[in-house]
Amino acid sequence: PGDDEVLVFGFLMTEGIISDINEVKRVDLEARENHALVFLDDDHECDWERLTRHLFSASSCGLCGKATIDAILQNHPAIECKLEVNRDVLLAASEKMRSVQATFESTGGLHASGIFSKDGELLMLREDIGRHNALDKVIGESLRDSIELNGCFLLLSGRISFELMQKSLAAGISFVAGISAPSSLAVDFAKNSNQTLVGFLRPPTLNLYTGTLADD
């Protein structure tokens, strides 16, 4: 619900259409119901054929493991400098995020994505009925506000899919945590992209699938 402009910015970034918000000239959200009309810079270049192929791939219809991961890493290089976060900071973050999910509290039907500083400060949170949209919103907001995400960690309210790991890599996020389980392909992706992946973040426990914590 809402935050449509930052949703558009985040989607454009995580799908590899733009790398900088200055490549977007204008976003028209009023031209047609449930559509966003995006005007890109006149000199902007994009491999639209590659994008079309990618958008019609999904975890339920044919992502093919290592070949897919390798193809994505050609466009989004693996993380070089990884963030390390303290275990107690992570456990506190999950409770902090839930406490500010106002719409979830009233409906029980929304996903959330939160961006936290290394020390556990909640910098931004967005909710949406779709997990991918919630993530695109916080990434789009960070893009609009010129917030560097390589020094932050991402917390997801639900299952961690391959696509969410891919989007986080496109935004330069090296540390991803989730309240629920990651898919096996998400774990494989994190290993290849050199991202830290934490699942089942439910105080007082968590599962570390890849990477290290600051106090381990």
C-alpha atoms as a PDB file:
ATOM      1  CA  PRO A   1       0.000   0.000   0.000  1.00  0.00           C
ATOM      2  CA  GLY A   2       1.404   3.352  -1.036  1.00  0.00           C
ATOM      3  CA  ASP A   3       5.013   4.385  -1.648  1.00  0.00           C
ATOM      4  CA  ASP A   4       4.526   3.796  -5.360  1.00  0.00           C
ATOM      5  CA  GLU A   5       7.287   6.099  -6.562  1.00  0.00           C
ATOM      6  CA  VAL A   6      10.011   4.472  -4.455  1.00  0.00           C
ATOM      7  CA  LEU A   7       8.637   1.073  -5.498  1.00  0.00           C
ATOM      8  CA  VAL A   8       9.293   2.074  -9.106  1.00  0.00           C
ATOM      9  CA  PHE A   9      12.795   3.346  -8.307  1.00  0.00           C
ATOM     10  CA  GLY A  10      13.656   0.137  -6.461  1.00  0.00           C
ATOM     11  CA  PHE A  11      12.298  -2.108  -9.191  1.00  0.00           C
ATOM     12  CA  LEU A  12      14.278  -0.269 -11.849  1.00  0.00           C
ATOM     13  CA  MET A  13      17.439  -0.639  -9.772  1.00  0.00           C
ATOM     14  CA  THR A  14      17.060  -4.280  -8.741  1.00  0.00           C
ATOM     15  CA  GLU A  15      16.111  -5.436 -12.226  1.00  0.00           C
ATOM     16  CA  GLY A  16      19.192  -3.803 -13.710  1.00  0.00           C
ATOM     17  CA  ILE A  17      17.368  -1.120 -15.681  1.00  0.00           C
ATOM     18  CA  ILE A  18      19.084   1.783 -13.894  1.00  0.00           C
ATOM     19  CA  SER A  19      22.092   2.161 -11.612  1.00  0.00           C
ATOM     20  CA  ASP A  20      21.511   5.788 -10.625  1.00  0.00           C
ATOM     21  CA  ILE A  21      18.337   7.721  -9.902  1.00  0.00           C
ATOM     22  CA  ASN A  22      19.493  10.494 -12.238  1.00  0.00           C
ATOM     23  CA  GLU A  23      18.801   8.111 -15.122  1.00  0.00           C
ATOM     24  CA  VAL A  24      15.072   8.596 -14.405  1.00  0.00           C
ATOM     25  CA  LYS A  25      13.635  11.803 -15.850  1.00  0.00           C
ATOM     26  CA  ARG A  26      10.075  11.398 -14.593  1.00  0.00           C
ATOM     27  CA  VAL A  27       7.628   8.877 -13.147  1.00  0.00           C
ATOM     28  CA  ASP A  28       3.933   9.325 -13.983  1.00  0.00           C
ATOM     29  CA  LEU A  29       1.667   7.371 -11.635  1.00  0.00           C
ATOM     30  CA  GLU A  30      -1.571   8.973 -12.833  1.00  0.00           C
ATOM     31  CA  ALA A  31      -1.552   8.180 -16.556  1.00  0.00           C
ATOM     32  CA  ARG A  32      -3.224   4.788 -16.219  1.00  0.00           C
ATOM     33  CA  GLU A  33      -4.667   2.922 -13.246  1.00  0.00           C
ATOM     34  CA  ASN A  34      -2.254   0.403 -11.682  1.00  0.00           C
ATOM     35  CA  HIS A  35       0.497   1.418 -14.094  1.00  0.00           C
ATOM     36  CA  ALA A  36       3.621   3.519 -13.769  1.00  0.00           C
ATOM     37  CA  LEU A  37       4.886   5.377 -16.812  1.00  0.00           C
ATOM     38  CA  VAL A  38       8.645   5.892 -16.528  1.00  0.00           C
ATOM     39  CA  PHE A  39      10.646   8.327 -18.636  1.00  0.00           C
ATOM     40  CA  LEU A  40      14.360   7.512 -18.726  1.00  0.00           C
ATOM     41  CA  ASP A  41      17.254   9.741 -19.689  1.00  0.00           C
ATOM     42  CA  ASP A  42      17.582  10.162 -23.463  1.00  0.00           C
ATOM     43  CA  ASP A  43      21.048   8.581 -23.453  1.00  0.00           C
ATOM     44  CA  HIS A  44      20.028   5.630 -21.286  1.00  0.00           C
ATOM     45  CA  GLU A  45      20.859   2.174 -22.613  1.00  0.00           C
ATOM     46  CA  CYS A  46      19.350  -1.126 -21.476  1.00  0.00           C
ATOM     47  CA  ASP A  47      19.365  -4.706 -22.750  1.00  0.00           C
ATOM     48  CA  TRP A  48      15.595  -5.008 -23.001  1.00  0.00           C
ATOM     49  CA  GLU A  49      15.734  -8.505 -24.475  1.00  0.00           C
ATOM     50  CA  ARG A  50      17.708  -9.763 -21.462  1.00  0.00           C
ATOM     51  CA  LEU A  51      15.316  -7.997 -19.129  1.00  0.00           C
ATOM     52  CA  THR A  52      12.254  -9.581 -20.744  1.00  0.00           C
ATOM     53  CA  ARG A  53      13.770 -13.056 -20.427  1.00  0.00           C
ATOM     54  CA  HIS A  54      14.582 -12.441 -16.780  1.00  0.00           C
ATOM     55  CA  LEU A  55      11.172 -11.074 -15.807  1.00  0.00           C
ATOM     56  CA  PHE A  56       9.442 -14.193 -17.061  1.00  0.00           C
ATOM     57  CA  SER A  57      11.666 -16.423 -14.925  1.00  0.00           C
ATOM     58  CA  ALA A  58      10.533 -17.312 -11.430  1.00  0.00           C
ATOM     59  CA  SER A  59      11.358 -19.828  -8.713  1.00  0.00           C
ATOM     60  CA  SER A  60       8.294 -21.823  -9.753  1.00  0.00           C
ATOM     61  CA  CYS A  61       8.976 -21.922 -13.480  1.00  0.00           C
ATOM     62  CA  GLY A  62      12.447 -22.832 -14.462  1.00  0.00           C
ATOM     63  CA  LEU A  63      15.299 -21.105 -12.690  1.00  0.00           C
ATOM     64  CA  CYS A  64      18.128 -23.487 -13.329  1.00  0.00           C
ATOM     65  CA  GLY A  65      20.490 -23.288 -10.396  1.00  0.00           C
ATOM     66  CA  LYS A  66      24.148 -22.617 -11.088  1.00  0.00           C
ATOM     67  CA  ALA A  67      23.656 -21.455 -14.676  1.00  0.00           C
ATOM     68  CA  THR A  68      21.199 -18.799 -13.513  1.00  0.00           C
ATOM     69  CA  ILE A  69      23.452 -17.694 -10.644  1.00  0.00           C
ATOM     70  CA  ASP A  70      26.447 -17.379 -12.957  1.00  0.00           C
ATOM     71  CA  ALA A  71      24.425 -15.298 -15.420  1.00  0.00           C
ATOM     72  CA  ILE A  72      23.312 -12.893 -12.686  1.00  0.00           C
ATOM     73  CA  LEU A  73      26.827 -12.517 -11.299  1.00  0.00           C
ATOM     74  CA  GLN A  74      27.967 -11.361 -14.734  1.00  0.00           C
ATOM     75  CA  ASN A  75      25.723  -8.313 -14.308  1.00  0.00           C
ATOM     76  CA  HIS A  76      26.086  -7.886 -10.529  1.00  0.00           C
ATOM     77  CA  PRO A  77      29.564  -8.807  -9.226  1.00  0.00           C
ATOM     78  CA  ALA A  78      29.939 -10.711  -5.965  1.00  0.00           C
ATOM     79  CA  ILE A  79      30.382  -8.711  -2.767  1.00  0.00           C
ATOM     80  CA  GLU A  80      34.005  -7.837  -1.998  1.00  0.00           C
ATOM     81  CA  CYS A  81      33.797  -6.184   1.434  1.00  0.00           C
ATOM     82  CA  LYS A  82      31.318  -7.903   3.749  1.00  0.00           C
ATOM     83  CA  LEU A  83      29.529  -6.375   6.707  1.00  0.00           C
ATOM     84  CA  GLU A  84      29.669  -8.241  10.027  1.00  0.00           C
ATOM     85  CA  VAL A  85      26.850  -7.751  12.531  1.00  0.00           C
ATOM     86  CA  ASN A  86      26.679  -8.688  16.201  1.00  0.00           C
ATOM     87  CA  ARG A  87      24.299 -11.526  17.111  1.00  0.00           C
ATOM     88  CA  ASP A  88      22.531  -9.478  19.794  1.00  0.00           C
ATOM     89  CA  VAL A  89      22.002  -6.632  17.319  1.00  0.00           C
ATOM     90  CA  LEU A  90      20.285  -9.035  14.923  1.00  0.00           C
ATOM     91  CA  LEU A  91      18.031 -10.517  17.580  1.00  0.00           C
ATOM     92  CA  ALA A  92      16.993  -7.061  18.767  1.00  0.00           C
ATOM     93  CA  ALA A  93      16.363  -5.923  15.190  1.00  0.00           C
ATOM     94  CA  SER A  94      13.733  -8.597  14.591  1.00  0.00           C
ATOM     95  CA  GLU A  95      11.745  -7.429  17.606  1.00  0.00           C
ATOM     96  CA  LYS A  96      12.203  -3.772  16.659  1.00  0.00           C
ATOM     97  CA  MET A  97      10.907  -4.341  13.136  1.00  0.00           C
ATOM     98  CA  ARG A  98       7.822  -6.196  14.295  1.00  0.00           C
ATOM     99  CA  SER A  99       7.010  -3.437  16.791  1.00  0.00           C
ATOM    100  CA  VAL A 100       6.732  -0.806  14.032  1.00  0.00           C
ATOM    101  CA  GLN A 101       4.794  -2.871  11.470  1.00  0.00           C
ATOM    102  CA  ALA A 102       1.614  -0.881  11.956  1.00  0.00           C
ATOM    103  CA  THR A 103      -0.297  -2.227   8.966  1.00  0.00           C
ATOM    104  CA  PHE A 104       0.690  -5.807   9.717  1.00  0.00           C
ATOM    105  CA  GLU A 105      -0.640  -5.431  13.247  1.00  0.00           C
ATOM    106  CA  SER A 106      -4.047  -4.400  11.910  1.00  0.00           C
ATOM    107  CA  THR A 107      -4.270  -6.849   8.991  1.00  0.00           C
ATOM    108  CA  GLY A 108      -1.810  -9.716   9.554  1.00  0.00           C
ATOM    109  CA  GLY A 109      -1.360  -9.880   5.793  1.00  0.00           C
ATOM    110  CA  LEU A 110       1.674  -7.826   4.813  1.00  0.00           C
ATOM    111  CA  HIS A 111       5.377  -8.472   4.351  1.00  0.00           C
ATOM    112  CA  ALA A 112       8.022  -6.023   5.499  1.00  0.00           C
ATOM    113  CA  SER A 113      11.591  -5.159   4.588  1.00  0.00           C
ATOM    114  CA  GLY A 114      13.755  -3.159   6.960  1.00  0.00           C
ATOM    115  CA  ILE A 115      17.138  -1.508   6.478  1.00  0.00           C
ATOM    116  CA  PHE A 116      19.266  -1.305   9.635  1.00  0.00           C
ATOM    117  CA  SER A 117      22.611   0.267  10.412  1.00  0.00           C
ATOM    118  CA  LYS A 118      25.403  -2.032  11.575  1.00  0.00           C
ATOM    119  CA  ASP A 119      24.582  -1.015  15.155  1.00  0.00           C
ATOM    120  CA  GLY A 120      20.910  -1.912  14.801  1.00  0.00           C
ATOM    121  CA  GLU A 121      19.289   1.451  14.137  1.00  0.00           C
ATOM    122  CA  LEU A 122      16.192   1.066  11.963  1.00  0.00           C
ATOM    123  CA  LEU A 123      16.787   3.443   9.054  1.00  0.00           C
ATOM    124  CA  MET A 124      13.708   2.626   6.993  1.00  0.00           C
ATOM    125  CA  LEU A 125      10.905   0.085   6.778  1.00  0.00           C
ATOM    126  CA  ARG A 126       8.286  -0.549   4.132  1.00  0.00           C
ATOM    127  CA  GLU A 127       5.377  -2.989   3.961  1.00  0.00           C
ATOM    128  CA  ASP A 128       3.578  -4.531   1.014  1.00  0.00           C
ATOM    129  CA  ILE A 129       1.396  -7.520   0.252  1.00  0.00           C
ATOM    130  CA  GLY A 130       4.269  -8.778  -1.918  1.00  0.00           C
ATOM    131  CA  ARG A 131       7.710  -9.594  -0.498  1.00  0.00           C
ATOM    132  CA  HIS A 132       9.466  -8.388  -3.633  1.00  0.00           C
ATOM    133  CA  ASN A 133       7.585  -5.086  -3.573  1.00  0.00           C
ATOM    134  CA  ALA A 134       8.434  -4.427   0.073  1.00  0.00           C
ATOM    135  CA  LEU A 135      12.115  -4.899  -0.734  1.00  0.00           C
ATOM    136  CA  ASP A 136      11.963  -2.763  -3.869  1.00  0.00           C
ATOM    137  CA  LYS A 137      10.394   0.018  -1.787  1.00  0.00           C
ATOM    138  CA  VAL A 138      13.202   0.252   0.772  1.00  0.00           C
ATOM    139  CA  ILE A 139      15.840  -0.018  -1.952  1.00  0.00           C
ATOM    140  CA  GLY A 140      14.067   2.677  -3.951  1.00  0.00           C
ATOM    141  CA  GLU A 141      13.847   4.920  -0.912  1.00  0.00           C
ATOM    142  CA  SER A 142      17.562   4.505  -0.239  1.00  0.00           C
ATOM    143  CA  LEU A 143      18.264   5.331  -3.887  1.00  0.00           C
ATOM    144  CA  ARG A 144      16.107   8.460  -3.734  1.00  0.00           C
ATOM    145  CA  ASP A 145      17.682   9.620  -0.462  1.00  0.00           C
ATOM    146  CA  SER A 146      21.275   8.713  -1.466  1.00  0.00           C
ATOM    147  CA  ILE A 147      21.734   6.195   1.366  1.00  0.00           C
ATOM    148  CA  GLU A 148      24.601   3.758   0.813  1.00  0.00           C
ATOM    149  CA  LEU A 149      23.453   0.218   1.612  1.00  0.00           C
ATOM    150  CA  ASN A 150      26.834  -1.522   1.703  1.00  0.00           C
ATOM    151  CA  GLY A 151      27.176  -0.544   5.373  1.00  0.00           C
ATOM    152  CA  CYS A 152      23.668  -1.708   6.311  1.00  0.00           C
ATOM    153  CA  PHE A 153      21.911  -5.021   6.785  1.00  0.00           C
ATOM    154  CA  LEU A 154      18.549  -6.065   5.399  1.00  0.00           C
ATOM    155  CA  LEU A 155      15.867  -7.771   7.475  1.00  0.00           C
ATOM    156  CA  LEU A 156      12.991  -9.580   5.739  1.00  0.00           C
ATOM    157  CA  SER A 157       9.775 -10.575   7.480  1.00  0.00           C
ATOM    158  CA  GLY A 158       9.212 -13.815   5.591  1.00  0.00           C
ATOM    159  CA  ARG A 159      10.833 -16.566   3.558  1.00  0.00           C
ATOM    160  CA  ILE A 160      14.080 -15.638   1.808  1.00  0.00           C
ATOM    161  CA  SER A 161      13.859 -16.499  -1.865  1.00  0.00           C
ATOM    162  CA  PHE A 162      16.477 -16.526  -4.600  1.00  0.00           C
ATOM    163  CA  GLU A 163      14.907 -13.415  -6.124  1.00  0.00           C
ATOM    164  CA  LEU A 164      15.221 -11.440  -2.885  1.00  0.00           C
ATOM    165  CA  MET A 165      18.902 -12.342  -2.636  1.00  0.00           C
ATOM    166  CA  GLN A 166      19.364 -11.248  -6.238  1.00  0.00           C
ATOM    167  CA  LYS A 167      17.658  -7.907  -5.593  1.00  0.00           C
ATOM    168  CA  SER A 168      19.736  -7.303  -2.467  1.00  0.00           C
ATOM    169  CA  LEU A 169      22.942  -7.985  -4.393  1.00  0.00           C
ATOM    170  CA  ALA A 170      21.889  -5.535  -7.114  1.00  0.00           C
ATOM    171  CA  ALA A 171      21.548  -2.893  -4.380  1.00  0.00           C
ATOM    172  CA  GLY A 172      24.956  -3.735  -2.894  1.00  0.00           C
ATOM    173  CA  ILE A 173      23.617  -5.293   0.325  1.00  0.00           C
ATOM    174  CA  SER A 174      26.093  -7.805   1.726  1.00  0.00           C
ATOM    175  CA  PHE A 175      24.147  -8.980   4.809  1.00  0.00           C
ATOM    176  CA  VAL A 176      20.611 -10.395   4.559  1.00  0.00           C
ATOM    177  CA  ALA A 177      18.568 -11.774   7.452  1.00  0.00           C
ATOM    178  CA  GLY A 178      15.051 -13.163   7.539  1.00  0.00           C
ATOM    179  CA  ILE A 179      12.483 -14.243  10.086  1.00  0.00           C
ATOM    180  CA  SER A 180      11.757 -17.428   8.142  1.00  0.00           C
ATOM    181  CA  ALA A 181      13.654 -19.974   6.043  1.00  0.00           C
ATOM    182  CA  PRO A 182      15.777 -19.351   2.951  1.00  0.00           C
ATOM    183  CA  SER A 183      15.277 -21.510  -0.112  1.00  0.00           C
ATOM    184  CA  SER A 184      18.126 -23.827  -1.070  1.00  0.00           C
ATOM    185  CA  LEU A 185      18.759 -21.731  -4.186  1.00  0.00           C
ATOM    186  CA  ALA A 186      18.940 -18.589  -2.028  1.00  0.00           C
ATOM    187  CA  VAL A 187      21.656 -20.251   0.063  1.00  0.00           C
ATOM    188  CA  ASP A 188      23.552 -21.299  -3.068  1.00  0.00           C
ATOM    189  CA  PHE A 189      23.259 -17.770  -4.407  1.00  0.00           C
ATOM    190  CA  ALA A 190      24.583 -16.249  -1.158  1.00  0.00           C
ATOM    191  CA  LYS A 191      27.597 -18.561  -1.239  1.00  0.00           C
ATOM    192  CA  ASN A 192      28.434 -17.534  -4.797  1.00  0.00           C
ATOM    193  CA  SER A 193      27.743 -13.822  -4.267  1.00  0.00           C
ATOM    194  CA  ASN A 194      29.719 -13.738  -0.993  1.00  0.00           C
ATOM    195  CA  GLN A 195      26.714 -12.443   0.958  1.00  0.00           C
ATOM    196  CA  THR A 196      26.039 -13.299   4.592  1.00  0.00           C
ATOM    197  CA  LEU A 197      22.672 -15.033   5.005  1.00  0.00           C
ATOM    198  CA  VAL A 198      20.794 -15.514   8.280  1.00  0.00           C
ATOM    199  CA  GLY A 199      17.428 -17.271   8.559  1.00  0.00           C
ATOM    200  CA  PHE A 200      14.930 -18.199  11.269  1.00  0.00           C
ATOM    201  CA  LEU A 201      15.805 -15.012  13.163  1.00  0.00           C
ATOM    202  CA  ARG A 202      13.494 -15.638  16.093  1.00  0.00           C
ATOM    203  CA  PRO A 203      14.846 -14.586  19.496  1.00  0.00           C
ATOM    204  CA  PRO A 204      16.683 -16.080  21.210  1.00  0.00           C
ATOM    205  CA  THR A 205      17.936 -18.115  18.218  1.00  0.00           C
ATOM    206  CA  LEU A 206      18.978 -17.729  14.593  1.00  0.00           C
ATOM    207  CA  ASN A 207      20.473 -19.876  11.825  1.00  0.00           C
ATOM    208  CA  LEU A 208      23.628 -18.736  10.022  1.00  0.00           C
ATOM    209  CA  TYR A 209      23.799 -20.213   6.497  1.00  0.00           C
ATOM    210  CA  THR A 210      26.714 -18.292   4.975  1.00  0.00           C
ATOM    211  CA  GLY A 211      29.278 -15.797   6.233  1.00  0.00           C
ATOM    212  CA  THR A 212      30.160 -14.908   9.820  1.00  0.00           C
ATOM    213  CA  LEU A 213      28.779 -12.769  12.629  1.00  0.00           C
ATOM    214  CA  ALA A 214      30.834 -10.098  14.371  1.00  0.00           C
ATOM    215  CA  ASP A 215      30.952 -12.023  17.648  1.00  0.00           C
ATOM    216  CA  ASP A 216      31.526 -15.550  16.267  1.00  0.00           C
END
